[in-house]
N, C-alpha and C. Protein backbone atom coordinates (compact mmCIF):
# COMPACT_ATOMS: atom_id res chain seq x y z
N MET A 1 -21.45 -156.04 -133.10
CA MET A 1 -21.21 -154.57 -132.50
C MET A 1 -22.03 -154.44 -131.15
N GLU A 2 -21.66 -153.69 -130.20
CA GLU A 2 -22.55 -153.56 -129.07
C GLU A 2 -23.22 -152.37 -129.02
N VAL A 3 -24.60 -152.48 -128.74
CA VAL A 3 -25.45 -151.04 -128.83
C VAL A 3 -25.21 -150.39 -127.61
N VAL A 4 -25.04 -149.00 -127.62
CA VAL A 4 -24.95 -148.20 -126.68
C VAL A 4 -26.44 -147.93 -125.95
N LYS A 5 -26.46 -148.26 -124.66
CA LYS A 5 -27.79 -147.87 -124.12
C LYS A 5 -27.69 -146.54 -123.45
N GLN A 6 -28.77 -145.81 -123.66
CA GLN A 6 -28.78 -144.25 -123.23
C GLN A 6 -30.25 -144.14 -122.39
N ILE A 7 -30.20 -143.12 -121.48
CA ILE A 7 -31.42 -142.83 -121.10
C ILE A 7 -31.92 -141.65 -122.03
N THR A 8 -33.09 -141.16 -121.80
CA THR A 8 -33.75 -140.16 -122.67
C THR A 8 -32.87 -138.85 -122.58
N LYS A 9 -33.14 -138.01 -123.51
CA LYS A 9 -32.48 -136.60 -123.51
C LYS A 9 -33.17 -135.72 -122.16
N GLU A 10 -34.37 -135.97 -122.05
CA GLU A 10 -35.11 -135.21 -120.73
C GLU A 10 -34.43 -135.76 -119.52
N GLN A 11 -34.34 -137.03 -119.36
CA GLN A 11 -33.78 -137.61 -118.27
C GLN A 11 -32.31 -137.21 -117.89
N LEU A 12 -31.72 -137.11 -118.95
CA LEU A 12 -30.10 -136.68 -119.02
C LEU A 12 -30.14 -135.30 -118.41
N GLU A 13 -31.03 -134.35 -118.88
CA GLU A 13 -31.00 -133.02 -118.73
C GLU A 13 -31.46 -132.77 -117.00
N LYS A 14 -32.46 -133.65 -116.71
CA LYS A 14 -32.84 -133.46 -115.28
C LYS A 14 -31.79 -134.01 -114.47
N VAL A 15 -30.95 -135.09 -114.67
CA VAL A 15 -30.02 -135.46 -113.92
C VAL A 15 -28.77 -134.39 -113.88
N VAL A 16 -28.52 -133.81 -114.84
CA VAL A 16 -27.53 -132.80 -115.01
C VAL A 16 -27.97 -131.66 -114.16
N ALA A 17 -29.12 -131.27 -114.29
CA ALA A 17 -29.69 -130.19 -113.55
C ALA A 17 -29.72 -130.42 -111.96
N GLN A 18 -29.96 -131.45 -111.63
CA GLN A 18 -30.02 -132.03 -110.19
C GLN A 18 -28.62 -131.90 -109.52
N GLN A 19 -27.64 -132.40 -110.30
CA GLN A 19 -26.37 -132.43 -110.00
C GLN A 19 -25.69 -131.11 -109.83
N LYS A 20 -26.01 -130.21 -110.83
CA LYS A 20 -25.70 -128.76 -110.79
C LYS A 20 -26.13 -128.08 -109.62
N ASP A 21 -27.45 -128.28 -109.17
CA ASP A 21 -28.07 -127.66 -108.06
C ASP A 21 -27.28 -128.26 -106.75
N LEU A 22 -27.05 -129.43 -106.79
CA LEU A 22 -26.38 -130.05 -105.41
C LEU A 22 -25.08 -129.52 -105.34
N THR A 23 -24.39 -129.30 -106.39
CA THR A 23 -23.12 -128.70 -106.19
C THR A 23 -23.05 -127.35 -105.89
N GLY A 24 -24.07 -126.73 -106.42
CA GLY A 24 -24.24 -125.31 -105.88
C GLY A 24 -24.48 -125.09 -104.44
N ILE A 25 -25.45 -125.92 -104.00
CA ILE A 25 -25.88 -125.89 -102.55
C ILE A 25 -24.69 -126.26 -101.71
N LEU A 26 -23.77 -127.24 -102.12
CA LEU A 26 -22.75 -127.72 -101.37
C LEU A 26 -21.64 -126.55 -101.40
N THR A 27 -21.45 -125.86 -102.52
CA THR A 27 -20.50 -124.72 -102.63
C THR A 27 -20.87 -123.71 -101.52
N ASN A 28 -22.27 -123.32 -101.51
CA ASN A 28 -22.90 -122.24 -100.71
C ASN A 28 -22.50 -122.79 -99.39
N LEU A 29 -22.85 -123.94 -99.09
CA LEU A 29 -22.65 -124.50 -97.67
C LEU A 29 -21.34 -124.14 -97.01
N GLY A 30 -20.43 -124.67 -98.08
CA GLY A 30 -19.03 -124.48 -97.62
C GLY A 30 -18.69 -123.00 -97.35
N VAL A 31 -19.08 -121.97 -98.16
CA VAL A 31 -18.96 -120.55 -97.92
C VAL A 31 -19.61 -120.14 -96.55
N LEU A 32 -20.75 -120.74 -96.35
CA LEU A 32 -21.42 -120.28 -94.99
C LEU A 32 -20.52 -120.91 -93.83
N GLU A 33 -20.02 -122.12 -93.96
CA GLU A 33 -19.25 -122.65 -92.73
C GLU A 33 -18.01 -121.82 -92.78
N THR A 34 -17.48 -121.36 -93.69
CA THR A 34 -16.27 -120.55 -93.62
C THR A 34 -16.52 -119.17 -92.83
N GLN A 35 -17.75 -118.60 -93.22
CA GLN A 35 -18.24 -117.27 -92.64
C GLN A 35 -18.59 -117.49 -91.21
N LYS A 36 -19.16 -118.76 -90.99
CA LYS A 36 -19.39 -119.05 -89.44
C LYS A 36 -18.11 -119.16 -88.72
N HIS A 37 -17.28 -119.68 -89.23
CA HIS A 37 -15.78 -120.02 -88.69
C HIS A 37 -15.33 -118.59 -88.21
N SER A 38 -15.18 -117.74 -89.17
CA SER A 38 -14.60 -116.52 -89.06
C SER A 38 -15.52 -115.57 -87.91
N LEU A 39 -16.86 -115.77 -88.05
CA LEU A 39 -17.77 -115.06 -87.01
C LEU A 39 -17.53 -115.51 -85.53
N LEU A 40 -17.20 -116.84 -85.60
CA LEU A 40 -17.02 -117.43 -84.22
C LEU A 40 -15.60 -116.82 -83.50
N HIS A 41 -14.70 -116.85 -84.57
CA HIS A 41 -13.29 -116.15 -83.98
C HIS A 41 -13.73 -114.63 -83.62
N LYS A 42 -14.48 -113.99 -84.42
CA LYS A 42 -14.75 -112.52 -83.97
C LYS A 42 -15.62 -112.33 -82.82
N ILE A 43 -16.39 -113.27 -82.52
CA ILE A 43 -17.09 -113.42 -81.20
C ILE A 43 -16.05 -113.54 -80.04
N ALA A 44 -15.21 -114.52 -80.27
CA ALA A 44 -14.18 -114.97 -79.23
C ALA A 44 -13.28 -113.70 -78.90
N ASP A 45 -12.91 -112.89 -79.95
CA ASP A 45 -11.94 -111.67 -79.87
C ASP A 45 -12.88 -110.71 -79.13
N LEU A 46 -14.14 -110.41 -79.48
CA LEU A 46 -14.91 -109.34 -78.97
C LEU A 46 -15.24 -109.80 -77.40
N ASN A 47 -15.49 -110.98 -77.06
CA ASN A 47 -15.65 -111.45 -75.73
C ASN A 47 -14.36 -110.99 -74.89
N LYS A 48 -13.13 -111.34 -75.38
CA LYS A 48 -11.91 -110.94 -74.55
C LYS A 48 -11.84 -109.56 -74.42
N GLU A 49 -12.20 -108.77 -75.43
CA GLU A 49 -12.13 -107.18 -75.33
C GLU A 49 -13.18 -106.88 -74.35
N VAL A 50 -14.37 -107.35 -74.28
CA VAL A 50 -15.34 -106.92 -73.28
C VAL A 50 -14.84 -107.27 -71.91
N GLU A 51 -14.34 -108.42 -71.80
CA GLU A 51 -13.81 -108.94 -70.27
C GLU A 51 -12.72 -107.83 -69.92
N GLU A 52 -11.82 -107.69 -70.86
CA GLU A 52 -10.58 -106.67 -70.40
C GLU A 52 -11.08 -105.28 -70.17
N PHE A 53 -12.17 -104.76 -70.83
CA PHE A 53 -12.66 -103.53 -70.60
C PHE A 53 -13.43 -103.69 -69.19
N LYS A 54 -14.19 -104.57 -69.05
CA LYS A 54 -14.96 -104.60 -67.77
C LYS A 54 -13.88 -104.57 -66.59
N PHE A 55 -12.86 -105.36 -66.74
CA PHE A 55 -11.80 -105.34 -65.67
C PHE A 55 -11.16 -103.95 -65.42
N GLU A 56 -11.21 -103.18 -66.59
CA GLU A 56 -10.56 -101.81 -66.38
C GLU A 56 -11.50 -100.96 -65.67
N LEU A 57 -12.72 -101.12 -66.09
CA LEU A 57 -13.90 -100.34 -65.45
C LEU A 57 -13.90 -100.64 -63.85
N GLU A 58 -13.92 -101.93 -63.63
CA GLU A 58 -13.92 -102.46 -62.22
C GLU A 58 -12.76 -101.89 -61.35
N GLN A 59 -11.56 -101.73 -62.01
CA GLN A 59 -10.58 -101.17 -61.44
C GLN A 59 -10.66 -99.67 -61.09
N GLU A 60 -11.44 -98.93 -61.85
CA GLU A 60 -11.76 -97.50 -61.68
C GLU A 60 -12.96 -97.44 -60.88
N TYR A 61 -14.08 -98.04 -60.98
CA TYR A 61 -15.28 -97.72 -60.27
C TYR A 61 -15.75 -98.93 -59.35
N GLY A 62 -14.99 -99.91 -59.24
CA GLY A 62 -15.14 -100.98 -58.39
C GLY A 62 -16.49 -101.87 -59.11
N PRO A 63 -17.05 -102.77 -58.39
CA PRO A 63 -17.99 -103.68 -59.05
C PRO A 63 -19.31 -102.88 -59.14
N VAL A 64 -19.77 -102.73 -60.46
CA VAL A 64 -21.03 -101.96 -60.66
C VAL A 64 -21.71 -102.48 -61.73
N ASN A 65 -23.05 -101.94 -61.75
CA ASN A 65 -24.00 -102.39 -62.95
C ASN A 65 -24.10 -101.15 -63.71
N ILE A 66 -23.81 -101.12 -64.98
CA ILE A 66 -23.97 -99.74 -65.63
C ILE A 66 -25.14 -99.82 -66.70
N ASN A 67 -25.93 -98.74 -66.64
CA ASN A 67 -27.06 -98.49 -67.27
C ASN A 67 -26.60 -98.17 -68.85
N LEU A 68 -26.88 -99.08 -69.85
CA LEU A 68 -26.36 -98.84 -71.15
C LEU A 68 -27.12 -97.66 -71.91
N GLU A 69 -27.98 -97.02 -71.26
CA GLU A 69 -28.85 -96.04 -72.13
C GLU A 69 -28.10 -94.75 -71.72
N ASP A 70 -27.88 -94.60 -70.37
CA ASP A 70 -27.35 -93.07 -70.07
C ASP A 70 -26.05 -93.28 -69.37
N GLY A 71 -25.35 -94.25 -69.15
CA GLY A 71 -24.06 -94.43 -68.61
C GLY A 71 -24.20 -94.35 -66.95
N SER A 72 -25.15 -94.27 -66.46
CA SER A 72 -25.12 -94.18 -64.95
C SER A 72 -24.93 -95.57 -64.41
N TYR A 73 -24.44 -95.59 -63.19
CA TYR A 73 -24.19 -97.08 -62.53
C TYR A 73 -24.66 -96.90 -61.23
N THR A 74 -24.83 -98.16 -60.68
CA THR A 74 -24.97 -98.58 -59.31
C THR A 74 -24.06 -99.40 -58.83
N VAL A 75 -23.52 -99.39 -57.62
CA VAL A 75 -22.64 -100.22 -57.01
C VAL A 75 -23.14 -101.47 -56.71
N ILE A 76 -22.31 -102.56 -57.05
CA ILE A 76 -23.00 -103.88 -56.60
C ILE A 76 -22.33 -104.22 -55.18
N GLU A 77 -23.57 -104.29 -54.17
CA GLU A 77 -23.18 -104.59 -52.84
C GLU A 77 -22.88 -105.99 -52.75
N LYS A 78 -21.86 -106.29 -51.89
CA LYS A 78 -21.31 -107.68 -51.56
C LYS A 78 -22.16 -108.21 -50.52
N GLU A 79 -22.79 -109.43 -50.68
CA GLU A 79 -23.49 -109.98 -49.72
C GLU A 79 -22.61 -110.59 -48.61
N ASN A 80 -23.23 -110.37 -47.28
CA ASN A 80 -22.46 -111.01 -46.09
C ASN A 80 -23.06 -112.43 -45.95
N LYS A 81 -22.17 -113.24 -45.98
CA LYS A 81 -22.56 -114.67 -45.85
C LYS A 81 -22.33 -115.11 -44.37
N GLU A 82 -23.32 -114.98 -43.43
CA GLU A 82 -23.20 -115.24 -42.11
C GLU A 82 -24.14 -116.22 -41.64
């Protein structure tokens, strides 16, 4: 009859705990990657919105720099390249 070889109970508990921790970390990492992916799409969408609105503002006011604190603006002068 073959004798079953085993590690100690404490060693088994440590290995199981380490594997559980590793699985938890990998699960959390997957969740974070999913959130990152979603946020990157939101950034792309917002950048598109910003560019579209900047175009609308430029159509109405021409090229301007807008003060984000009070809404005032200054016209951007085109440089003469002579």
